[in-house]
Amino acid sequence: MSFYRGMTCENVTIKGDGGTPITAYVARPEGPGPFPGVVLIHHLPGWSELYIESTRRFAHHGYLAICANLYERDGGADANPDDVAAKVRASGGIADSQMVGDTAAAVAWIRAQKQHNGKVGVFGSCSGGRHAFLYACTRDDIDACAELWGGRVVMGSDELSARTPVAPIDLTSKLCCPLLGIFGNEDRAPSSEQVDRHEAELKRHAKTYEFHRYDGAGHGFFYWHRPMYRPEQAMDGWAKVFTFFGRHLA
């Protein structure tokens, strides 16, 4: 595989949950393929530059990549991501069911592409990590899942609501594909204890998974634009992501 291939990038419109049109950013590698697909599920800061750049990073490595704007209903495609994220956070986040519907539309978009090889993975961090794991436990249309420091996979009964009616950890038995988990040992959401519980459930249900836990790293240690960025751990983590997807999607 050439790691310096060209690519084309554009916004497309997909039919999200309930048939609502939403915008998604797409990056396609140059050439006829076939290419594996990755759906990126953005974090609570929203459909941000970080996730747009990460979409291109996957295309750079030979993946058809798409990242849908899960918050578009709350501010429009051209709204400032920080403003939209503040609104979404104040309202308690988007409904899990809406996320599943929007992500299913992105998966369907990938599967409809002529250059696609028939394999799709999902990738998400923070709330997007929770959403990636939840999606993999709710649907059966993906082949691999990368969950990066998914907060609130483990939830107490007092955290459940109409928007988040089930703790994702309680759906572990339904996980449909291999799982990659990446965590910082200094994180509090999820804490090391919560990651332990997450892993214990995967073992109890004999799921295929691999967890990588990094000392000296806390929440969001991939985020190059923030003080929590940890270059050494992040680069190793990215290598783990590409090795995992290469194994299960290529």
Foldseek 3Di string as FASTA:
>chain_A
DQLAFDKDKDKDWWQFPPRNTFIKIKIAGDDLALAAEEEEEEALLWPDPVVNVVRNNVNSVGHTYMYIGLQCVQPHPPDDSNVSSVVQVVVPHAALSRLLRRSVRVLVVLCPDSSHPQAYEYEYEACRLLSQLLNQLVDQRHAEYERELHFQLPDDPVSADPRRNDRVLVSLLRRNYEYEYEFEQAEVRPHPVVVVSSVVSCVVNVGHYDYDYDYPAYGPCLPPVDPRPDVVSNVVVVVVVCVVCVVGGD
